[in-house]
């Protein structure tokens, strides 16, 4: 006879956060606001898709600031009210699925679907709202190569290790003022162009709140379209804050299991833990890595970030391990290593 298991005890801070969100939700609904779905690009295989979204009530933008060219301050991304445990309808080419958001309003689920390789539109709706469209990239069974890229200080200059500047960049700065790392969009676009069918995954410790801003940034600066894997900065059932490092580690291992034939190009920077994480992943899954490219922060960025920690010795690595200060240098190093074709 099976012994009943005791549900995990939920950290008091997580319970408090849920009560706060519930209060904000009731307040927003009394004002006549209704939930919507912020749908994000996902990915999948030929008989399944990973659907990613968040259910929330977004504060209305003042009429005088509406429009595609309106400046959007970062704080608005964090002022949205997440709707926990909301039922959401997902339509995948005529097949409707019912899913439920988690406590933080996040949808991250795998659904069955038989789709051909490439991008496919899907729609989501909540409480009878107008459907919101996003897309999923289906990786072909024979595709041998993919890209996993960090975001902060790898494709976007954010200076994330500096708490005060990071807060300024995240909450105050007009999103159009955010700067791309030079040459990174050209590098990624060149690799994707030369290898049709390549999946691109943007794996970041950033919060889901900034996903719409990140999508607009990637489009504005001509980065190749890809799935977003972000995280929830709030407390979990057993810890005060989500671990960004563990978030990356879990998703790297998950991608290796989902696509055992794919050898990934891992792209990151030396300002956080990418070097350690990619070293660990390459040791654990050497058959799933084709190369590692690490962007070196400038001396000034290193000082402001608190100093660079020791970098691992990769002289005996089983895969090419290249570094450079920007996308152009990394592309040259990858060409020299034979990872990408020459000009």
Protein backbone atom coordinates (compact mmCIF):
# COMPACT_ATOMS: atom_id res chain seq x y z
CA UNK A 1 0.00 0.00 0.00
CA UNK A 2 1.43 3.38 -1.03
CA UNK A 3 2.29 5.80 1.75
CA UNK A 4 0.63 9.19 1.29
CA UNK A 5 3.14 11.95 0.64
CA UNK A 6 3.11 15.25 2.47
CA UNK A 7 2.82 18.28 0.18
CA UNK A 8 5.91 20.51 0.26
CA UNK A 9 5.67 23.35 2.73
CA UNK A 10 5.34 26.68 0.95
CA UNK A 11 7.71 29.43 2.05
CA UNK A 12 5.85 32.20 3.88
CA UNK A 13 7.22 34.81 1.49
CA UNK A 14 5.72 32.93 -1.48
CA UNK A 15 2.34 32.85 0.29
CA UNK A 16 2.63 36.57 1.01
CA UNK A 17 3.48 37.30 -2.62
CA UNK A 18 0.45 35.31 -3.79
CA UNK A 19 -1.86 37.25 -1.42
CA UNK A 20 -0.41 40.53 -2.69
CA UNK A 21 -1.01 39.54 -6.32
CA UNK A 22 -4.57 38.40 -5.45
CA UNK A 23 -5.26 41.78 -3.81
CA UNK A 24 -3.88 43.64 -6.84
CA UNK A 25 -5.97 41.46 -9.15
CA UNK A 26 -9.21 42.21 -7.25
CA UNK A 27 -8.36 45.92 -7.30
CA UNK A 28 -7.67 45.88 -11.06
CA UNK A 29 -10.87 43.97 -11.80
CA UNK A 30 -12.93 46.47 -9.78
CA UNK A 31 -11.53 49.14 -12.09
CA UNK A 32 -12.86 47.20 -15.08
CA UNK A 33 -9.52 45.82 -16.28
CA UNK A 34 -9.42 42.26 -17.62
CA UNK A 35 -6.63 39.71 -18.06
CA UNK A 36 -4.80 39.13 -21.28
CA UNK A 37 -2.14 36.70 -22.43
CA UNK A 38 1.41 37.84 -23.11
CA UNK A 39 2.42 35.08 -25.52
CA UNK A 40 6.09 34.38 -26.26
CA UNK A 41 7.86 32.40 -29.00
CA UNK A 42 8.29 28.73 -28.16
CA UNK A 43 9.81 25.68 -29.77
CA UNK A 44 9.14 22.01 -30.30
CA UNK A 45 9.78 18.76 -32.11
CA UNK A 46 7.69 17.27 -34.89
CA UNK A 47 5.07 15.84 -32.50
CA UNK A 48 5.15 18.28 -29.57
CA UNK A 49 5.49 21.99 -28.74
CA UNK A 50 6.64 23.88 -25.66
CA UNK A 51 4.18 26.74 -25.16
CA UNK A 52 5.35 29.83 -23.24
CA UNK A 53 3.20 32.74 -22.04
CA UNK A 54 2.11 34.78 -19.04
CA UNK A 55 -1.40 35.77 -17.96
CA UNK A 56 -1.61 39.27 -16.54
CA UNK A 57 -3.47 42.55 -16.30
CA UNK A 58 -1.40 45.29 -17.90
CA UNK A 59 -1.70 48.88 -16.64
CA UNK A 60 -3.20 51.04 -19.37
CA UNK A 61 -0.81 53.29 -21.28
CA UNK A 62 -1.87 56.98 -21.25
CA UNK A 63 -3.54 57.97 -24.50
CA UNK A 64 -0.93 60.63 -25.27
CA UNK A 65 1.82 57.97 -25.20
CA UNK A 66 0.18 55.23 -27.23
CA UNK A 67 1.51 54.12 -30.57
CA UNK A 68 4.38 52.10 -31.95
CA UNK A 69 6.87 54.92 -31.39
CA UNK A 70 5.85 55.74 -27.83
CA UNK A 71 8.63 55.57 -25.26
CA UNK A 72 8.17 52.66 -22.86
CA UNK A 73 9.82 52.88 -19.45
CA UNK A 74 11.04 49.66 -17.90
CA UNK A 75 8.94 50.02 -14.74
CA UNK A 76 5.74 49.36 -16.72
CA UNK A 77 6.89 45.81 -17.38
CA UNK A 78 6.97 45.18 -13.62
CA UNK A 79 3.69 47.00 -12.87
CA UNK A 80 1.59 44.30 -14.56
CA UNK A 81 -0.56 42.11 -12.32
CA UNK A 82 0.11 38.38 -12.82
CA UNK A 83 -3.00 36.18 -12.69
CA UNK A 84 -2.25 32.91 -10.97
CA UNK A 85 -3.93 29.61 -11.89
CA UNK A 86 -5.81 31.18 -14.82
CA UNK A 87 -7.31 28.74 -17.38
CA UNK A 88 -5.99 29.47 -20.88
CA UNK A 89 -7.12 28.17 -24.29
CA UNK A 90 -4.30 27.33 -26.68
CA UNK A 91 -5.17 26.83 -30.35
CA UNK A 92 -2.55 24.96 -32.38
CA UNK A 93 -3.70 24.87 -36.00
CA UNK A 94 -7.31 24.15 -35.11
CA UNK A 95 -6.70 21.86 -32.12
CA UNK A 96 -7.67 23.55 -28.84
CA UNK A 97 -6.01 22.69 -25.53
CA UNK A 98 -6.94 23.90 -22.05
CA UNK A 99 -3.98 24.70 -19.80
CA UNK A 100 -3.62 26.40 -16.41
CA UNK A 101 -1.07 29.06 -15.47
CA UNK A 102 1.11 28.58 -12.40
CA UNK A 103 0.98 30.75 -9.26
CA UNK A 104 2.89 33.53 -11.02
CA UNK A 105 0.68 33.47 -14.12
CA UNK A 106 3.31 31.70 -16.23
CA UNK A 107 2.38 29.13 -18.88
CA UNK A 108 5.26 26.75 -19.59
CA UNK A 109 3.86 23.48 -20.84
CA UNK A 110 4.37 20.83 -23.51
CA UNK A 111 1.43 20.00 -25.77
CA UNK A 112 1.03 17.36 -28.48
CA UNK A 113 1.07 18.64 -32.05
CA UNK A 114 2.24 17.25 -35.37
CA UNK A 115 3.81 20.15 -37.25
CA UNK A 116 6.35 20.43 -40.04
CA UNK A 117 9.77 22.01 -39.34
CA UNK A 118 9.87 25.80 -39.21
CA UNK A 119 7.76 28.54 -37.64
CA UNK A 120 4.05 27.99 -36.99
CA UNK A 121 1.48 30.42 -35.53
CA UNK A 122 -0.50 29.53 -32.42
CA UNK A 123 -3.05 31.58 -30.49
CA UNK A 124 -3.97 31.87 -26.81
CA UNK A 125 -6.87 33.47 -24.95
CA UNK A 126 -8.10 33.83 -21.38
CA UNK A 127 -11.62 34.50 -20.09
CA UNK A 128 -13.00 34.93 -23.59
CA UNK A 129 -10.52 37.64 -24.53
CA UNK A 130 -9.43 38.20 -28.11
CA UNK A 131 -6.89 35.56 -29.15
CA UNK A 132 -3.25 36.61 -28.93
CA UNK A 133 -0.93 35.17 -31.56
CA UNK A 134 2.63 33.99 -31.16
CA UNK A 135 4.64 31.27 -32.89
CA UNK A 136 6.65 28.16 -32.20
CA UNK A 137 9.71 26.91 -34.03
CA UNK A 138 9.65 23.22 -34.87
CA UNK A 139 13.09 21.63 -35.04
CA UNK A 140 13.38 19.08 -37.83
CA UNK A 141 14.36 15.56 -36.82
CA UNK A 142 17.50 15.72 -38.97
CA UNK A 143 18.68 19.18 -37.85
CA UNK A 144 22.19 18.75 -36.37
CA UNK A 145 22.95 22.27 -35.12
CA UNK A 146 21.39 24.91 -32.85
CA UNK A 147 22.23 28.11 -30.99
CA UNK A 148 21.71 28.87 -27.30
CA UNK A 149 22.54 32.46 -26.41
CA UNK A 150 22.58 34.40 -23.18
CA UNK A 151 21.03 37.88 -23.32
CA UNK A 152 22.41 40.26 -20.67
CA UNK A 153 25.79 41.62 -21.79
CA UNK A 154 25.86 39.02 -24.55
CA UNK A 155 23.34 40.45 -27.03
CA UNK A 156 22.19 43.47 -24.97
CA UNK A 157 24.39 45.82 -22.95
CA UNK A 158 22.76 45.76 -19.52
CA UNK A 159 25.60 45.70 -16.98
CA UNK A 160 23.49 43.25 -14.97
CA UNK A 161 26.11 42.50 -12.28
CA UNK A 162 25.88 46.13 -11.12
CA UNK A 163 22.73 46.22 -8.96
CA UNK A 164 22.06 49.97 -9.05
CA UNK A 165 22.77 50.38 -12.75
CA UNK A 166 20.85 47.20 -13.51
CA UNK A 167 17.86 48.60 -11.62
CA UNK A 168 18.13 51.86 -13.57
CA UNK A 169 18.30 49.98 -16.89
CA UNK A 170 15.42 47.69 -15.96
CA UNK A 171 12.99 50.14 -14.39
CA UNK A 172 13.73 53.65 -15.70
CA UNK A 173 15.50 53.74 -19.05
CA UNK A 174 13.40 54.09 -22.21
CA UNK A 175 13.60 50.69 -23.89
CA UNK A 176 14.72 52.30 -27.16
CA UNK A 177 17.86 53.52 -25.38
CA UNK A 178 19.06 49.97 -24.74
CA UNK A 179 22.12 49.16 -26.82
CA UNK A 180 23.02 45.88 -28.53
CA UNK A 181 26.48 44.36 -28.14
CA UNK A 182 28.28 45.37 -31.36
CA UNK A 183 28.27 42.75 -34.08
CA UNK A 184 26.21 40.14 -32.24
CA UNK A 185 23.11 40.40 -34.43
CA UNK A 186 25.24 40.12 -37.59
CA UNK A 187 27.05 37.07 -36.21
CA UNK A 188 23.87 35.25 -35.23
CA UNK A 189 22.04 36.16 -38.43
CA UNK A 190 25.00 35.01 -40.56
CA UNK A 191 25.16 31.63 -38.82
CA UNK A 192 21.39 31.08 -39.09
CA UNK A 193 21.43 32.10 -42.77
CA UNK A 194 24.21 29.61 -43.53
CA UNK A 195 22.46 26.79 -41.67
CA UNK A 196 18.74 26.72 -42.60
CA UNK A 197 16.51 25.18 -39.97
CA UNK A 198 18.75 26.21 -37.07
CA UNK A 199 16.82 26.72 -33.80
CA UNK A 200 17.76 29.81 -31.78
CA UNK A 201 17.11 29.85 -28.03
CA UNK A 202 17.60 33.00 -25.95
CA UNK A 203 18.26 31.68 -22.44
CA UNK A 204 18.40 34.41 -19.79
CA UNK A 205 18.12 34.93 -16.04
CA UNK A 206 15.89 37.92 -16.84
CA UNK A 207 12.32 38.04 -15.56
CA UNK A 208 9.30 37.16 -17.71
CA UNK A 209 8.16 40.74 -17.07
CA UNK A 210 10.73 42.01 -19.57
CA UNK A 211 9.91 39.46 -22.31
CA UNK A 212 7.81 41.89 -24.42
CA UNK A 213 10.57 44.51 -24.16
CA UNK A 214 13.17 41.89 -25.11
CA UNK A 215 11.14 40.77 -28.13
CA UNK A 216 10.91 44.35 -29.39
CA UNK A 217 14.62 44.87 -28.79
CA UNK A 218 15.56 41.76 -30.77
CA UNK A 219 13.32 42.78 -33.68
CA UNK A 220 14.54 46.38 -33.66
CA UNK A 221 18.19 45.33 -33.85
CA UNK A 222 17.65 42.54 -36.41
CA UNK A 223 18.51 39.54 -34.24
CA UNK A 224 17.23 36.23 -35.60
CA UNK A 225 13.87 35.19 -34.20
CA UNK A 226 14.06 32.60 -31.45
CA UNK A 227 12.34 31.13 -28.42
CA UNK A 228 12.66 32.97 -25.09
CA UNK A 229 13.46 31.10 -21.88
CA UNK A 230 13.26 33.56 -19.00
CA UNK A 231 12.41 33.10 -15.33
CA UNK A 232 10.26 34.38 -12.46
CA UNK A 233 12.17 36.56 -10.01
CA UNK A 234 9.72 35.91 -7.17
CA UNK A 235 10.03 33.46 -4.28
CA UNK A 236 9.51 29.72 -4.76
CA UNK A 237 7.97 27.21 -2.36
CA UNK A 238 11.34 26.65 -0.65
CA UNK A 239 13.57 29.69 -1.27
CA UNK A 240 13.38 33.48 -1.21
CA UNK A 241 14.28 33.99 -4.87
CA UNK A 242 14.53 31.85 -7.98
CA UNK A 243 18.08 30.84 -8.82
CA UNK A 244 19.01 32.25 -12.22
CA UNK A 245 21.98 29.90 -12.39
CA UNK A 246 19.79 26.86 -11.70
CA UNK A 247 17.27 28.12 -14.27
CA UNK A 248 19.97 28.07 -16.94
CA UNK A 249 21.35 24.72 -15.83
CA UNK A 250 17.93 23.05 -15.91
CA UNK A 251 17.06 24.39 -19.35
CA UNK A 252 20.42 23.43 -20.85
CA UNK A 253 19.92 19.86 -19.63
CA UNK A 254 16.33 19.88 -20.82
CA UNK A 255 17.32 20.96 -24.33
CA UNK A 256 19.97 18.23 -24.45
CA UNK A 257 17.30 15.66 -23.59
CA UNK A 258 14.68 17.04 -25.98
CA UNK A 259 17.05 17.23 -28.94
CA UNK A 260 19.69 14.51 -28.50
CA UNK A 261 20.85 14.86 -32.14
CA UNK A 262 21.46 18.61 -31.94
CA UNK A 263 24.95 19.97 -31.19
CA UNK A 264 24.60 23.45 -29.72
CA UNK A 265 26.71 26.54 -30.15
CA UNK A 266 26.69 28.07 -26.65
CA UNK A 267 27.09 31.86 -26.52
CA UNK A 268 27.58 33.88 -23.35
CA UNK A 269 29.83 36.39 -21.59
CA UNK A 270 32.40 36.35 -18.80
CA UNK A 271 30.55 38.81 -16.57
CA UNK A 272 28.35 36.24 -14.80
CA UNK A 273 28.38 32.44 -14.62
CA UNK A 274 28.23 31.47 -18.30
CA UNK A 275 31.81 30.20 -18.35
CA UNK A 276 31.19 27.88 -15.39
CA UNK A 277 27.79 26.73 -16.62
CA UNK A 278 28.99 26.00 -20.14
CA UNK A 279 32.07 24.20 -18.79
CA UNK A 280 29.80 22.02 -16.66
CA UNK A 281 27.36 21.36 -19.52
CA UNK A 282 30.14 20.54 -21.99
CA UNK A 283 31.63 18.04 -19.53
CA UNK A 284 28.24 16.42 -18.89
CA UNK A 285 26.94 16.47 -22.48
CA UNK A 286 29.99 16.63 -24.81
CA UNK A 287 27.99 15.06 -27.63
CA UNK A 288 25.52 17.99 -27.51
CA UNK A 289 28.01 20.85 -27.90
CA UNK A 290 29.67 21.98 -31.12
CA UNK A 291 31.48 25.03 -29.67
CA UNK A 292 31.39 27.72 -26.97
CA UNK A 293 31.73 31.45 -27.69
CA UNK A 294 32.31 33.78 -24.72
CA UNK A 295 32.14 37.54 -25.11
CA UNK A 296 34.80 39.28 -23.03
CA UNK A 297 33.67 42.36 -21.12
CA UNK A 298 35.83 45.45 -21.44
CA UNK A 299 38.17 46.33 -18.53
CA UNK A 300 35.82 49.16 -17.51
CA UNK A 301 32.81 46.85 -17.54
CA UNK A 302 34.72 44.29 -15.49
CA UNK A 303 35.62 46.84 -12.82
CA UNK A 304 32.07 48.16 -12.60
CA UNK A 305 30.76 44.58 -12.48
CA UNK A 306 32.85 43.89 -9.40
CA UNK A 307 35.88 42.29 -11.04
CA UNK A 308 36.19 39.27 -13.27
CA UNK A 309 36.36 35.94 -11.50
CA UNK A 310 38.95 33.41 -12.63
CA UNK A 311 38.22 31.96 -16.05
CA UNK A 312 38.43 28.22 -16.54
CA UNK A 313 41.30 26.75 -18.53
CA UNK A 314 39.84 25.41 -21.79
CA UNK A 315 43.08 24.41 -23.48
CA UNK A 316 42.12 20.73 -23.19
CA UNK A 317 38.41 21.22 -23.98
CA UNK A 318 36.80 18.63 -26.23
CA UNK A 319 35.14 21.37 -28.34
CA UNK A 320 36.35 24.73 -29.70
CA UNK A 321 36.20 27.45 -27.05
CA UNK A 322 36.58 30.97 -28.41
CA UNK A 323 36.50 34.45 -26.89
CA UNK A 324 36.26 38.00 -28.21
CA UNK A 325 35.02 41.46 -27.23
CA UNK A 326 32.16 41.58 -29.74
CA UNK A 327 30.24 39.67 -32.37
CA UNK A 328 32.69 40.37 -35.19
CA UNK A 329 35.63 38.97 -33.22
CA UNK A 330 33.65 35.92 -32.12
CA UNK A 331 32.57 35.24 -35.70
CA UNK A 332 36.21 35.39 -36.84
CA UNK A 333 37.29 33.00 -34.09
CA UNK A 334 34.48 30.58 -34.95
CA UNK A 335 35.54 30.66 -38.60
CA UNK A 336 39.15 29.96 -37.64
CA UNK A 337 37.95 27.00 -35.55
CA UNK A 338 35.94 25.63 -38.50
CA UNK A 339 32.62 25.97 -36.67
CA UNK A 340 31.11 28.33 -39.27
CA UNK A 341 31.89 28.75 -42.95
CA UNK A 342 34.23 31.45 -44.16
CA UNK A 343 33.05 34.69 -45.76
